[in-house]
């Protein structure tokens, strides 16, 4: 088995989130605005449908990263518990 590359939690979350949002923007084009909204604090959020789409892309991205041995640091802890 190949070596695994563990990424700290904040970096892993940032990378997967940025990629998922980028994919959404590219796939949706002008329709992207229908999947996000700005709240009273001027923070952007996803609509329910947007959040579901985002979560799906994050899951797919995590799968691709795992396939090339790039994993969240929590995986290291889980492997140590199982060994």
PDB file of N, CA and C in Angstrom:
ATOM      1  N   UNK A   1       0.844  -1.179   0.000  1.00  0.00           N
ATOM      2  CA  UNK A   1       0.000   0.000   0.000  1.00  0.00           C
ATOM      3  C   UNK A   1       0.888   1.239   0.000  1.00  0.00           C
ATOM      4  N   UNK A   2       0.439   2.272  -0.683  1.00  0.00           N
ATOM      5  CA  UNK A   2       1.236   3.488  -0.775  1.00  0.00           C
ATOM      6  C   UNK A   2       1.139   4.294   0.515  1.00  0.00           C
ATOM      7  N   UNK A   3       2.091   5.196   0.676  1.00  0.00           N
ATOM      8  CA  UNK A   3       2.063   6.083   1.836  1.00  0.00           C
ATOM      9  C   UNK A   3       0.861   7.001   1.754  1.00  0.00           C
ATOM     10  N   UNK A   4       0.315   7.324   2.904  1.00  0.00           N
ATOM     11  CA  UNK A   4      -0.797   8.266   2.955  1.00  0.00           C
ATOM     12  C   UNK A   4      -0.267   9.629   3.359  1.00  0.00           C
ATOM     13  N   UNK A   5      -0.885  10.645   2.821  1.00  0.00           N
ATOM     14  CA  UNK A   5      -0.535  12.012   3.136  1.00  0.00           C
ATOM     15  C   UNK A   5      -1.673  12.592   3.956  1.00  0.00           C
ATOM     16  N   UNK A   6      -1.390  12.892   5.210  1.00  0.00           N
ATOM     17  CA  UNK A   6      -2.406  13.383   6.132  1.00  0.00           C
ATOM     18  C   UNK A   6      -2.403  14.910   6.136  1.00  0.00           C
ATOM     19  N   UNK A   7      -3.583  15.472   6.019  1.00  0.00           N
ATOM     20  CA  UNK A   7      -3.734  16.924   6.007  1.00  0.00           C
ATOM     21  C   UNK A   7      -4.490  17.340   7.259  1.00  0.00           C
ATOM     22  N   UNK A   8      -4.016  18.398   7.913  1.00  0.00           N
ATOM     23  CA  UNK A   8      -4.674  18.875   9.132  1.00  0.00           C
ATOM     24  C   UNK A   8      -6.118  19.268   8.825  1.00  0.00           C
ATOM     25  N   UNK A   9      -6.946  19.230   9.843  1.00  0.00           N
ATOM     26  CA  UNK A   9      -8.391  19.409   9.695  1.00  0.00           C
ATOM     27  C   UNK A   9      -8.765  20.715   8.997  1.00  0.00           C
ATOM     28  N   UNK A  10      -8.192  21.821   9.428  1.00  0.00           N
ATOM     29  CA  UNK A  10      -8.587  23.107   8.843  1.00  0.00           C
ATOM     30  C   UNK A  10      -8.192  23.197   7.367  1.00  0.00           C
ATOM     31  N   UNK A  11      -7.032  22.699   7.015  1.00  0.00           N
ATOM     32  CA  UNK A  11      -6.596  22.728   5.609  1.00  0.00           C
ATOM     33  C   UNK A  11      -7.443  21.796   4.752  1.00  0.00           C
ATOM     34  N   UNK A  12      -7.746  20.619   5.278  1.00  0.00           N
ATOM     35  CA  UNK A  12      -8.562  19.662   4.534  1.00  0.00           C
ATOM     36  C   UNK A  12      -9.946  20.252   4.277  1.00  0.00           C
ATOM     37  N   UNK A  13     -10.537  20.848   5.307  1.00  0.00           N
ATOM     38  CA  UNK A  13     -11.853  21.464   5.165  1.00  0.00           C
ATOM     39  C   UNK A  13     -11.814  22.615   4.170  1.00  0.00           C
ATOM     40  N   UNK A  14     -10.782  23.424   4.253  1.00  0.00           N
ATOM     41  CA  UNK A  14     -10.662  24.561   3.341  1.00  0.00           C
ATOM     42  C   UNK A  14     -10.541  24.097   1.889  1.00  0.00           C
ATOM     43  N   UNK A  15      -9.685  23.133   1.641  1.00  0.00           N
ATOM     44  CA  UNK A  15      -9.469  22.654   0.270  1.00  0.00           C
ATOM     45  C   UNK A  15     -10.732  22.012  -0.294  1.00  0.00           C
ATOM     46  N   UNK A  16     -11.351  21.116   0.465  1.00  0.00           N
ATOM     47  CA  UNK A  16     -12.542  20.441  -0.051  1.00  0.00           C
ATOM     48  C   UNK A  16     -13.693  21.435  -0.244  1.00  0.00           C
ATOM     49  N   UNK A  17     -13.829  22.387   0.660  1.00  0.00           N
ATOM     50  CA  UNK A  17     -14.901  23.386   0.541  1.00  0.00           C
ATOM     51  C   UNK A  17     -14.682  24.300  -0.655  1.00  0.00           C
ATOM     52  N   UNK A  18     -13.469  24.770  -0.809  1.00  0.00           N
ATOM     53  CA  UNK A  18     -13.172  25.661  -1.939  1.00  0.00           C
ATOM     54  C   UNK A  18     -13.390  24.941  -3.271  1.00  0.00           C
ATOM     55  N   UNK A  19     -12.951  23.701  -3.354  1.00  0.00           N
ATOM     56  CA  UNK A  19     -13.138  22.940  -4.591  1.00  0.00           C
ATOM     57  C   UNK A  19     -14.617  22.681  -4.862  1.00  0.00           C
ATOM     58  N   UNK A  20     -15.363  22.307  -3.839  1.00  0.00           N
ATOM     59  CA  UNK A  20     -16.790  22.030  -4.018  1.00  0.00           C
ATOM     60  C   UNK A  20     -17.518  23.287  -4.490  1.00  0.00           C
ATOM     61  N   UNK A  21     -17.223  24.420  -3.881  1.00  0.00           N
ATOM     62  CA  UNK A  21     -17.870  25.664  -4.290  1.00  0.00           C
ATOM     63  C   UNK A  21     -17.466  26.047  -5.710  1.00  0.00           C
ATOM     64  N   UNK A  22     -16.205  25.853  -6.040  1.00  0.00           N
ATOM     65  CA  UNK A  22     -15.734  26.151  -7.398  1.00  0.00           C
ATOM     66  C   UNK A  22     -16.470  25.290  -8.423  1.00  0.00           C
ATOM     67  N   UNK A  23     -16.608  24.014  -8.143  1.00  0.00           N
ATOM     68  CA  UNK A  23     -17.316  23.115  -9.060  1.00  0.00           C
ATOM     69  C   UNK A  23     -18.767  23.565  -9.215  1.00  0.00           C
ATOM     70  N   UNK A  24     -19.401  23.919  -8.099  1.00  0.00           N
ATOM     71  CA  UNK A  24     -20.779  24.411  -8.176  1.00  0.00           C
ATOM     72  C   UNK A  24     -20.871  25.637  -9.085  1.00  0.00           C
ATOM     73  N   UNK A  25     -19.974  26.586  -8.901  1.00  0.00           N
ATOM     74  CA  UNK A  25     -19.999  27.806  -9.710  1.00  0.00           C
ATOM     75  C   UNK A  25     -19.794  27.499 -11.190  1.00  0.00           C
ATOM     76  N   UNK A  26     -18.861  26.592 -11.472  1.00  0.00           N
ATOM     77  CA  UNK A  26     -18.589  26.233 -12.864  1.00  0.00           C
ATOM     78  C   UNK A  26     -19.767  25.491 -13.499  1.00  0.00           C
ATOM     79  N   UNK A  27     -20.358  24.559 -12.775  1.00  0.00           N
ATOM     80  CA  UNK A  27     -21.469  23.783 -13.316  1.00  0.00           C
ATOM     81  C   UNK A  27     -22.745  24.600 -13.444  1.00  0.00           C
ATOM     82  N   UNK A  28     -22.998  25.455 -12.462  1.00  0.00           N
ATOM     83  CA  UNK A  28     -24.249  26.209 -12.448  1.00  0.00           C
ATOM     84  C   UNK A  28     -24.194  27.502 -13.259  1.00  0.00           C
ATOM     85  N   UNK A  29     -23.021  28.063 -13.406  1.00  0.00           N
ATOM     86  CA  UNK A  29     -22.892  29.315 -14.135  1.00  0.00           C
ATOM     87  C   UNK A  29     -23.753  30.406 -13.505  1.00  0.00           C
ATOM     88  N   UNK A  30     -24.581  31.050 -14.325  1.00  0.00           N
ATOM     89  CA  UNK A  30     -25.439  32.135 -13.847  1.00  0.00           C
ATOM     90  C   UNK A  30     -26.482  31.658 -12.848  1.00  0.00           C
ATOM     91  N   UNK A  31     -26.773  30.383 -12.824  1.00  0.00           N
ATOM     92  CA  UNK A  31     -27.777  29.839 -11.903  1.00  0.00           C
ATOM     93  C   UNK A  31     -27.239  29.672 -10.480  1.00  0.00           C
ATOM     94  N   UNK A  32     -25.937  29.843 -10.299  1.00  0.00           N
ATOM     95  CA  UNK A  32     -25.322  29.693  -8.975  1.00  0.00           C
ATOM     96  C   UNK A  32     -26.010  30.581  -7.942  1.00  0.00           C
ATOM     97  N   UNK A  33     -26.381  31.783  -8.349  1.00  0.00           N
ATOM     98  CA  UNK A  33     -27.008  32.733  -7.421  1.00  0.00           C
ATOM     99  C   UNK A  33     -28.330  32.232  -6.858  1.00  0.00           C
ATOM    100  N   UNK A  34     -28.945  31.266  -7.521  1.00  0.00           N
ATOM    101  CA  UNK A  34     -30.206  30.702  -7.025  1.00  0.00           C
ATOM    102  C   UNK A  34     -29.970  29.718  -5.878  1.00  0.00           C
ATOM    103  N   UNK A  35     -28.723  29.349  -5.641  1.00  0.00           N
ATOM    104  CA  UNK A  35     -28.379  28.357  -4.627  1.00  0.00           C
ATOM    105  C   UNK A  35     -27.673  28.959  -3.414  1.00  0.00           C
ATOM    106  N   UNK A  36     -27.512  30.274  -3.418  1.00  0.00           N
ATOM    107  CA  UNK A  36     -26.891  30.962  -2.284  1.00  0.00           C
ATOM    108  C   UNK A  36     -27.743  32.171  -1.904  1.00  0.00           C
ATOM    109  N   UNK A  37     -27.582  32.608  -0.673  1.00  0.00           N
ATOM    110  CA  UNK A  37     -28.252  33.827  -0.226  1.00  0.00           C
ATOM    111  C   UNK A  37     -27.384  34.495   0.826  1.00  0.00           C
ATOM    112  N   UNK A  38     -27.643  35.774   1.040  1.00  0.00           N
ATOM    113  CA  UNK A  38     -26.892  36.546   2.020  1.00  0.00           C
ATOM    114  C   UNK A  38     -27.808  36.809   3.214  1.00  0.00           C
ATOM    115  N   UNK A  39     -27.337  36.457   4.411  1.00  0.00           N
ATOM    116  CA  UNK A  39     -28.168  36.638   5.603  1.00  0.00           C
ATOM    117  C   UNK A  39     -28.064  38.067   6.141  1.00  0.00           C
ATOM    118  N   UNK A  40     -28.722  38.308   7.278  1.00  0.00           N
ATOM    119  CA  UNK A  40     -28.767  39.659   7.849  1.00  0.00           C
ATOM    120  C   UNK A  40     -27.389  40.178   8.268  1.00  0.00           C
ATOM    121  N   UNK A  41     -26.440  39.275   8.484  1.00  0.00           N
ATOM    122  CA  UNK A  41     -25.069  39.674   8.829  1.00  0.00           C
ATOM    123  C   UNK A  41     -24.181  39.778   7.593  1.00  0.00           C
ATOM    124  N   UNK A  42     -24.813  39.709   6.421  1.00  0.00           N
ATOM    125  CA  UNK A  42     -24.127  39.784   5.131  1.00  0.00           C
ATOM    126  C   UNK A  42     -23.158  38.622   4.918  1.00  0.00           C
ATOM    127  N   UNK A  43     -23.499  37.474   5.498  1.00  0.00           N
ATOM    128  CA  UNK A  43     -22.729  36.245   5.313  1.00  0.00           C
ATOM    129  C   UNK A  43     -23.436  35.403   4.253  1.00  0.00           C
ATOM    130  N   UNK A  44     -22.671  34.868   3.322  1.00  0.00           N
ATOM    131  CA  UNK A  44     -23.262  34.037   2.286  1.00  0.00           C
ATOM    132  C   UNK A  44     -23.467  32.624   2.805  1.00  0.00           C
ATOM    133  N   UNK A  45     -24.618  32.068   2.476  1.00  0.00           N
ATOM    134  CA  UNK A  45     -24.999  30.710   2.859  1.00  0.00           C
ATOM    135  C   UNK A  45     -25.597  30.024   1.646  1.00  0.00           C
ATOM    136  N   UNK A  46     -25.670  28.699   1.718  1.00  0.00           N
ATOM    137  CA  UNK A  46     -26.331  27.938   0.667  1.00  0.00           C
ATOM    138  C   UNK A  46     -27.799  27.745   1.031  1.00  0.00           C
ATOM    139  N   UNK A  47     -28.638  27.702   0.014  1.00  0.00           N
ATOM    140  CA  UNK A  47     -30.020  27.289   0.229  1.00  0.00           C
ATOM    141  C   UNK A  47     -29.998  25.798   0.563  1.00  0.00           C
ATOM    142  N   UNK A  48     -31.126  25.225   0.908  1.00  0.00           N
ATOM    143  CA  UNK A  48     -31.187  23.789   1.205  1.00  0.00           C
ATOM    144  C   UNK A  48     -30.670  22.984   0.013  1.00  0.00           C
ATOM    145  N   UNK A  49     -31.163  23.307  -1.179  1.00  0.00           N
ATOM    146  CA  UNK A  49     -30.719  22.597  -2.383  1.00  0.00           C
ATOM    147  C   UNK A  49     -29.230  22.844  -2.642  1.00  0.00           C
ATOM    148  N   UNK A  50     -28.786  24.072  -2.406  1.00  0.00           N
ATOM    149  CA  UNK A  50     -27.372  24.393  -2.582  1.00  0.00           C
ATOM    150  C   UNK A  50     -26.497  23.643  -1.604  1.00  0.00           C
ATOM    151  N   UNK A  51     -26.942  23.532  -0.352  1.00  0.00           N
ATOM    152  CA  UNK A  51     -26.173  22.805   0.661  1.00  0.00           C
ATOM    153  C   UNK A  51     -26.091  21.323   0.322  1.00  0.00           C
ATOM    154  N   UNK A  52     -27.196  20.771  -0.173  1.00  0.00           N
ATOM    155  CA  UNK A  52     -27.183  19.361  -0.579  1.00  0.00           C
ATOM    156  C   UNK A  52     -26.196  19.124  -1.713  1.00  0.00           C
ATOM    157  N   UNK A  53     -26.193  20.029  -2.688  1.00  0.00           N
ATOM    158  CA  UNK A  53     -25.276  19.920  -3.823  1.00  0.00           C
ATOM    159  C   UNK A  53     -23.829  20.063  -3.343  1.00  0.00           C
ATOM    160  N   UNK A  54     -23.586  21.041  -2.497  1.00  0.00           N
ATOM    161  CA  UNK A  54     -22.253  21.274  -1.941  1.00  0.00           C
ATOM    162  C   UNK A  54     -21.763  20.033  -1.197  1.00  0.00           C
ATOM    163  N   UNK A  55     -22.610  19.476  -0.331  1.00  0.00           N
ATOM    164  CA  UNK A  55     -22.234  18.286   0.436  1.00  0.00           C
ATOM    165  C   UNK A  55     -21.899  17.118  -0.481  1.00  0.00           C
ATOM    166  N   UNK A  56     -22.658  16.968  -1.546  1.00  0.00           N
ATOM    167  CA  UNK A  56     -22.389  15.898  -2.500  1.00  0.00           C
ATOM    168  C   UNK A  56     -21.017  16.079  -3.149  1.00  0.00           C
ATOM    169  N   UNK A  57     -20.709  17.300  -3.562  1.00  0.00           N
ATOM    170  CA  UNK A  57     -19.405  17.555  -4.170  1.00  0.00           C
ATOM    171  C   UNK A  57     -18.267  17.335  -3.177  1.00  0.00           C
ATOM    172  N   UNK A  58     -18.458  17.743  -1.937  1.00  0.00           N
ATOM    173  CA  UNK A  58     -17.430  17.507  -0.923  1.00  0.00           C
ATOM    174  C   UNK A  58     -17.172  16.011  -0.784  1.00  0.00           C
ATOM    175  N   UNK A  59     -18.223  15.230  -0.750  1.00  0.00           N
ATOM    176  CA  UNK A  59     -18.082  13.777  -0.628  1.00  0.00           C
ATOM    177  C   UNK A  59     -17.320  13.192  -1.821  1.00  0.00           C
ATOM    178  N   UNK A  60     -17.631  13.660  -3.011  1.00  0.00           N
ATOM    179  CA  UNK A  60     -16.942  13.187  -4.214  1.00  0.00           C
ATOM    180  C   UNK A  60     -15.461  13.584  -4.165  1.00  0.00           C
ATOM    181  N   UNK A  61     -15.187  14.820  -3.781  1.00  0.00           N
ATOM    182  CA  UNK A  61     -13.802  15.304  -3.701  1.00  0.00           C
ATOM    183  C   UNK A  61     -13.016  14.501  -2.669  1.00  0.00           C
ATOM    184  N   UNK A  62     -13.616  14.253  -1.513  1.00  0.00           N
ATOM    185  CA  UNK A  62     -12.942  13.445  -0.492  1.00  0.00           C
ATOM    186  C   UNK A  62     -12.614  12.061  -1.039  1.00  0.00           C
ATOM    187  N   UNK A  63     -13.512  11.496  -1.824  1.00  0.00           N
ATOM    188  CA  UNK A  63     -13.264  10.194  -2.439  1.00  0.00           C
ATOM    189  C   UNK A  63     -12.079  10.227  -3.393  1.00  0.00           C
ATOM    190  N   UNK A  64     -12.017  11.265  -4.227  1.00  0.00           N
ATOM    191  CA  UNK A  64     -10.887  11.405  -5.151  1.00  0.00           C
ATOM    192  C   UNK A  64      -9.574  11.578  -4.389  1.00  0.00           C
ATOM    193  N   UNK A  65      -9.588  12.411  -3.358  1.00  0.00           N
ATOM    194  CA  UNK A  65      -8.374  12.600  -2.567  1.00  0.00           C
ATOM    195  C   UNK A  65      -7.945  11.306  -1.901  1.00  0.00           C
ATOM    196  N   UNK A  66      -8.908  10.578  -1.365  1.00  0.00           N
ATOM    197  CA  UNK A  66      -8.599   9.291  -0.723  1.00  0.00           C
ATOM    198  C   UNK A  66      -7.980   8.318  -1.725  1.00  0.00           C
ATOM    199  N   UNK A  67      -8.472   8.336  -2.964  1.00  0.00           N
ATOM    200  CA  UNK A  67      -7.941   7.444  -3.998  1.00  0.00           C
ATOM    201  C   UNK A  67      -6.478   7.700  -4.315  1.00  0.00           C
ATOM    202  N   UNK A  68      -6.007   8.905  -4.034  1.00  0.00           N
ATOM    203  CA  UNK A  68      -4.593   9.226  -4.264  1.00  0.00           C
ATOM    204  C   UNK A  68      -3.852   9.392  -2.933  1.00  0.00           C
ATOM    205  N   UNK A  69      -4.437   8.799  -1.877  1.00  0.00           N
ATOM    206  CA  UNK A  69      -3.812   8.711  -0.554  1.00  0.00           C
ATOM    207  C   UNK A  69      -3.646  10.059   0.149  1.00  0.00           C
ATOM    208  N   UNK A  70      -4.533  10.986  -0.124  1.00  0.00           N
ATOM    209  CA  UNK A  70      -4.554  12.258   0.598  1.00  0.00           C
ATOM    210  C   UNK A  70      -5.783  12.217   1.491  1.00  0.00           C
ATOM    211  N   UNK A  71      -5.548  12.206   2.799  1.00  0.00           N
ATOM    212  CA  UNK A  71      -6.652  12.004   3.730  1.00  0.00           C
ATOM    213  C   UNK A  71      -6.605  12.999   4.895  1.00  0.00           C
ATOM    214  N   UNK A  72      -7.748  13.140   5.537  1.00  0.00           N
ATOM    215  CA  UNK A  72      -7.917  13.986   6.721  1.00  0.00           C
ATOM    216  C   UNK A  72      -7.102  13.383   7.856  1.00  0.00           C
ATOM    217  N   UNK A  73      -6.516  14.220   8.692  1.00  0.00           N
ATOM    218  CA  UNK A  73      -5.675  13.745   9.789  1.00  0.00           C
ATOM    219  C   UNK A  73      -6.421  12.813  10.742  1.00  0.00           C
ATOM    220  N   UNK A  74      -7.743  12.928  10.836  1.00  0.00           N
ATOM    221  CA  UNK A  74      -8.516  12.034  11.702  1.00  0.00           C
ATOM    222  C   UNK A  74      -8.401  10.580  11.269  1.00  0.00           C
ATOM    223  N   UNK A  75      -8.139  10.353   9.985  1.00  0.00           N
ATOM    224  CA  UNK A  75      -7.976   8.985   9.493  1.00  0.00           C
ATOM    225  C   UNK A  75      -6.775   8.305  10.147  1.00  0.00           C
ATOM    226  N   UNK A  76      -5.753   9.082  10.435  1.00  0.00           N
ATOM    227  CA  UNK A  76      -4.561   8.541  11.091  1.00  0.00           C
ATOM    228  C   UNK A  76      -4.913   8.050  12.489  1.00  0.00           C
ATOM    229  N   UNK A  77      -5.706   8.852  13.211  1.00  0.00           N
ATOM    230  CA  UNK A  77      -6.128   8.462  14.555  1.00  0.00           C
ATOM    231  C   UNK A  77      -6.995   7.208  14.508  1.00  0.00           C
ATOM    232  N   UNK A  78      -7.896   7.140  13.525  1.00  0.00           N
ATOM    233  CA  UNK A  78      -8.766   5.964  13.391  1.00  0.00           C
ATOM    234  C   UNK A  78      -7.957   4.723  13.069  1.00  0.00           C
ATOM    235  N   UNK A  79      -6.912   4.855  12.245  1.00  0.00           N
ATOM    236  CA  UNK A  79      -6.078   3.701  11.908  1.00  0.00           C
ATOM    237  C   UNK A  79      -5.291   3.230  13.126  1.00  0.00           C
ATOM    238  N   UNK A  80      -4.844   4.176  13.957  1.00  0.00           N
ATOM    239  CA  UNK A  80      -4.096   3.807  15.163  1.00  0.00           C
ATOM    240  C   UNK A  80      -4.987   3.064  16.153  1.00  0.00           C
ATOM    241  N   UNK A  81      -6.252   3.433  16.233  1.00  0.00           N
ATOM    242  CA  UNK A  81      -7.202   2.778  17.147  1.00  0.00           C
ATOM    243  C   UNK A  81      -7.489   1.364  16.668  1.00  0.00           C
ATOM    244  N   UNK A  82      -7.569   1.187  15.347  1.00  0.00           N
ATOM    245  CA  UNK A  82      -7.907  -0.118  14.777  1.00  0.00           C
ATOM    246  C   UNK A  82      -6.719  -1.073  14.730  1.00  0.00           C
ATOM    247  N   UNK A  83      -5.521  -0.587  14.957  1.00  0.00           N
ATOM    248  CA  UNK A  83      -4.328  -1.453  14.891  1.00  0.00           C
ATOM    249  C   UNK A  83      -3.923  -1.943  16.255  1.00  0.00           C
TER     250      UNK A  83
END
